[in-house]
Amino acid sequence: MLLQEYTAAAQLLEPLCVQEGVESPALRSSVGRIYLQGGNVDMAQHHLEIVAEDPNADESMKKMNAAILAAADGDWEDASNHLREILDKDDLNFVVRSSFFIMPGIDALVGGE
């Protein structure tokens, strides 16, 4: 997929985030992650910060978003810490476990297992 296609996809979904009567932290989180995949860290951070401040957003989603942003910034220790916080509450979280698999060596970088 071309980077422009990621931006186009995010821009297509973005109006749904501000539609009257519709509040979906999951949708806004998805838009932020699409922007991140397209390389637009500023727009990703904008959307993910809104999710982080939303009291209705799932804590696991907030921590996963924080981990993804930290990884995008190259802050592997922060990313690992956020992922471990999720595992502390749900040790069978396969999304997090696969993140450690996809990012081999993350534990070695931060002195983990």
C-alpha atoms as a PDB file:
ATOM      1  CA  MET A   1       0.000   0.000   0.000  1.00  0.00           C
ATOM      2  CA  LEU A   2       1.327   3.453  -0.863  1.00  0.00           C
ATOM      3  CA  LEU A   3       1.744   6.009   1.908  1.00  0.00           C
ATOM      4  CA  GLN A   4      -0.829   8.252   0.213  1.00  0.00           C
ATOM      5  CA  GLU A   5      -3.367   5.429   0.483  1.00  0.00           C
ATOM      6  CA  TYR A   6      -2.920   5.277   4.258  1.00  0.00           C
ATOM      7  CA  THR A   7      -3.510   9.009   4.498  1.00  0.00           C
ATOM      8  CA  ALA A   8      -6.551   8.754   2.225  1.00  0.00           C
ATOM      9  CA  ALA A   9      -7.970   5.929   4.340  1.00  0.00           C
ATOM     10  CA  ALA A  10      -7.462   7.881   7.559  1.00  0.00           C
ATOM     11  CA  GLN A  11      -8.996  11.013   6.071  1.00  0.00           C
ATOM     12  CA  LEU A  12     -11.989   9.007   4.897  1.00  0.00           C
ATOM     13  CA  LEU A  13     -12.610   7.644   8.401  1.00  0.00           C
ATOM     14  CA  GLU A  14     -11.706  10.795  10.319  1.00  0.00           C
ATOM     15  CA  PRO A  15     -15.102  12.555   9.931  1.00  0.00           C
ATOM     16  CA  LEU A  16     -16.730   9.604  11.682  1.00  0.00           C
ATOM     17  CA  CYS A  17     -14.698  10.457  14.785  1.00  0.00           C
ATOM     18  CA  VAL A  18     -16.420  13.824  15.152  1.00  0.00           C
ATOM     19  CA  GLN A  19     -19.885  12.833  13.994  1.00  0.00           C
ATOM     20  CA  GLU A  20     -22.536  14.059  16.415  1.00  0.00           C
ATOM     21  CA  GLY A  21     -23.708  11.372  18.786  1.00  0.00           C
ATOM     22  CA  VAL A  22     -20.898   8.993  17.883  1.00  0.00           C
ATOM     23  CA  GLU A  23     -18.021   8.509  20.276  1.00  0.00           C
ATOM     24  CA  SER A  24     -15.813   5.565  19.549  1.00  0.00           C
ATOM     25  CA  PRO A  25     -12.360   5.399  21.098  1.00  0.00           C
ATOM     26  CA  ALA A  26     -11.743   2.246  19.034  1.00  0.00           C
ATOM     27  CA  LEU A  27     -12.477   4.101  15.789  1.00  0.00           C
ATOM     28  CA  ARG A  28     -10.291   7.064  16.749  1.00  0.00           C
ATOM     29  CA  SER A  29      -7.547   4.670  17.824  1.00  0.00           C
ATOM     30  CA  SER A  30      -7.769   2.946  14.436  1.00  0.00           C
ATOM     31  CA  VAL A  31      -7.529   6.275  12.617  1.00  0.00           C
ATOM     32  CA  GLY A  32      -4.466   7.164  14.678  1.00  0.00           C
ATOM     33  CA  ARG A  33      -2.844   3.824  13.908  1.00  0.00           C
ATOM     34  CA  ILE A  34      -3.560   4.218  10.190  1.00  0.00           C
ATOM     35  CA  TYR A  35      -1.884   7.633  10.253  1.00  0.00           C
ATOM     36  CA  LEU A  36       1.074   6.059  12.024  1.00  0.00           C
ATOM     37  CA  GLN A  37       1.356   3.326   9.396  1.00  0.00           C
ATOM     38  CA  GLY A  38       1.356   6.049   6.763  1.00  0.00           C
ATOM     39  CA  GLY A  39       4.189   7.844   8.504  1.00  0.00           C
ATOM     40  CA  ASN A  40       2.190  10.806   9.817  1.00  0.00           C
ATOM     41  CA  VAL A  41       3.293  10.641  13.442  1.00  0.00           C
ATOM     42  CA  ASP A  42       1.851  14.052  14.333  1.00  0.00           C
ATOM     43  CA  MET A  43      -1.687  13.137  13.248  1.00  0.00           C
ATOM     44  CA  ALA A  44      -1.349   9.708  14.855  1.00  0.00           C
ATOM     45  CA  GLN A  45      -0.269  11.298  18.110  1.00  0.00           C
ATOM     46  CA  HIS A  46      -3.173  13.778  17.911  1.00  0.00           C
ATOM     47  CA  HIS A  47      -5.763  10.996  17.662  1.00  0.00           C
ATOM     48  CA  LEU A  48      -4.104   8.663  20.152  1.00  0.00           C
ATOM     49  CA  GLU A  49      -3.825  11.461  22.739  1.00  0.00           C
ATOM     50  CA  ILE A  50      -7.576  12.048  22.450  1.00  0.00           C
ATOM     51  CA  VAL A  51      -8.099   8.339  23.123  1.00  0.00           C
ATOM     52  CA  ALA A  52      -5.692   8.480  26.076  1.00  0.00           C
ATOM     53  CA  GLU A  53      -7.773  11.262  27.657  1.00  0.00           C
ATOM     54  CA  ASP A  54     -11.115   9.542  27.006  1.00  0.00           C
ATOM     55  CA  PRO A  55     -12.476   8.074  30.266  1.00  0.00           C
ATOM     56  CA  ASN A  56     -14.590   5.621  28.242  1.00  0.00           C
ATOM     57  CA  ALA A  57     -11.619   4.152  26.382  1.00  0.00           C
ATOM     58  CA  ASP A  58     -10.361   0.751  27.473  1.00  0.00           C
ATOM     59  CA  GLU A  59      -7.141   0.987  29.514  1.00  0.00           C
ATOM     60  CA  SER A  60      -5.587  -1.826  27.512  1.00  0.00           C
ATOM     61  CA  MET A  61      -6.205   0.116  24.288  1.00  0.00           C
ATOM     62  CA  LYS A  62      -4.637   3.223  25.808  1.00  0.00           C
ATOM     63  CA  LYS A  63      -1.547   1.294  26.859  1.00  0.00           C
ATOM     64  CA  MET A  64      -1.257  -0.437  23.482  1.00  0.00           C
ATOM     65  CA  ASN A  65      -1.485   2.928  21.719  1.00  0.00           C
ATOM     66  CA  ALA A  66       1.198   4.328  24.024  1.00  0.00           C
ATOM     67  CA  ALA A  67       3.402   1.315  23.281  1.00  0.00           C
ATOM     68  CA  ILE A  68       2.946   1.733  19.533  1.00  0.00           C
ATOM     69  CA  LEU A  69       3.815   5.443  19.700  1.00  0.00           C
ATOM     70  CA  ALA A  70       6.845   4.714  21.864  1.00  0.00           C
ATOM     71  CA  ALA A  71       8.031   2.069  19.388  1.00  0.00           C
ATOM     72  CA  ALA A  72       7.542   4.529  16.519  1.00  0.00           C
ATOM     73  CA  ASP A  73       9.799   6.948  18.426  1.00  0.00           C
ATOM     74  CA  GLY A  74      12.363   4.200  18.976  1.00  0.00           C
ATOM     75  CA  ASP A  75      11.793   4.211  22.739  1.00  0.00           C
ATOM     76  CA  TRP A  76      11.867   0.443  23.172  1.00  0.00           C
ATOM     77  CA  GLU A  77      12.032   0.586  26.953  1.00  0.00           C
ATOM     78  CA  ASP A  78       8.845   2.658  27.178  1.00  0.00           C
ATOM     79  CA  ALA A  79       7.131   0.443  24.580  1.00  0.00           C
ATOM     80  CA  SER A  80       8.104  -2.674  26.521  1.00  0.00           C
ATOM     81  CA  ASN A  81       6.905  -1.168  29.811  1.00  0.00           C
ATOM     82  CA  HIS A  82       3.476  -0.384  28.362  1.00  0.00           C
ATOM     83  CA  LEU A  83       3.184  -3.887  26.919  1.00  0.00           C
ATOM     84  CA  ARG A  84       4.209  -5.443  30.226  1.00  0.00           C
ATOM     85  CA  GLU A  85       1.550  -3.392  32.045  1.00  0.00           C
ATOM     86  CA  ILE A  86      -1.041  -4.964  29.763  1.00  0.00           C
ATOM     87  CA  LEU A  87       0.348  -8.448  30.406  1.00  0.00           C
ATOM     88  CA  ASP A  88       0.331  -7.818  34.159  1.00  0.00           C
ATOM     89  CA  LYS A  89      -3.460  -7.519  33.973  1.00  0.00           C
ATOM     90  CA  ASP A  90      -4.031 -10.098  31.221  1.00  0.00           C
ATOM     91  CA  ASP A  91      -1.192 -12.575  30.797  1.00  0.00           C
ATOM     92  CA  LEU A  92      -3.058 -14.276  27.952  1.00  0.00           C
ATOM     93  CA  ASN A  93      -3.299 -11.133  25.819  1.00  0.00           C
ATOM     94  CA  PHE A  94      -2.196 -12.602  22.512  1.00  0.00           C
ATOM     95  CA  VAL A  95      -1.921  -9.222  20.785  1.00  0.00           C
ATOM     96  CA  VAL A  96       0.738  -8.189  23.282  1.00  0.00           C
ATOM     97  CA  ARG A  97       2.435 -11.570  23.206  1.00  0.00           C
ATOM     98  CA  SER A  98       2.624 -11.379  19.412  1.00  0.00           C
ATOM     99  CA  SER A  99       4.087  -7.865  19.714  1.00  0.00           C
ATOM    100  CA  PHE A 100       6.999  -9.319  21.642  1.00  0.00           C
ATOM    101  CA  PHE A 101       7.308 -11.990  18.943  1.00  0.00           C
ATOM    102  CA  ILE A 102       7.193  -9.423  16.121  1.00  0.00           C
ATOM    103  CA  MET A 103       9.787  -7.259  17.861  1.00  0.00           C
ATOM    104  CA  PRO A 104      12.358  -9.894  18.742  1.00  0.00           C
ATOM    105  CA  GLY A 105      15.025  -8.614  21.019  1.00  0.00           C
ATOM    106  CA  ILE A 106      12.830  -5.994  22.681  1.00  0.00           C
ATOM    107  CA  ASP A 107      13.320  -7.778  25.998  1.00  0.00           C
ATOM    108  CA  ALA A 108      17.056  -7.965  25.433  1.00  0.00           C
ATOM    109  CA  LEU A 109      17.138  -4.232  24.741  1.00  0.00           C
ATOM    110  CA  VAL A 110      15.449  -3.469  28.046  1.00  0.00           C
ATOM    111  CA  GLY A 111      16.883  -6.303  30.113  1.00  0.00           C
ATOM    112  CA  GLY A 112      13.736  -8.426  30.236  1.00  0.00           C
ATOM    113  CA  GLU A 113      13.263 -12.172  30.068  1.00  0.00           C
END
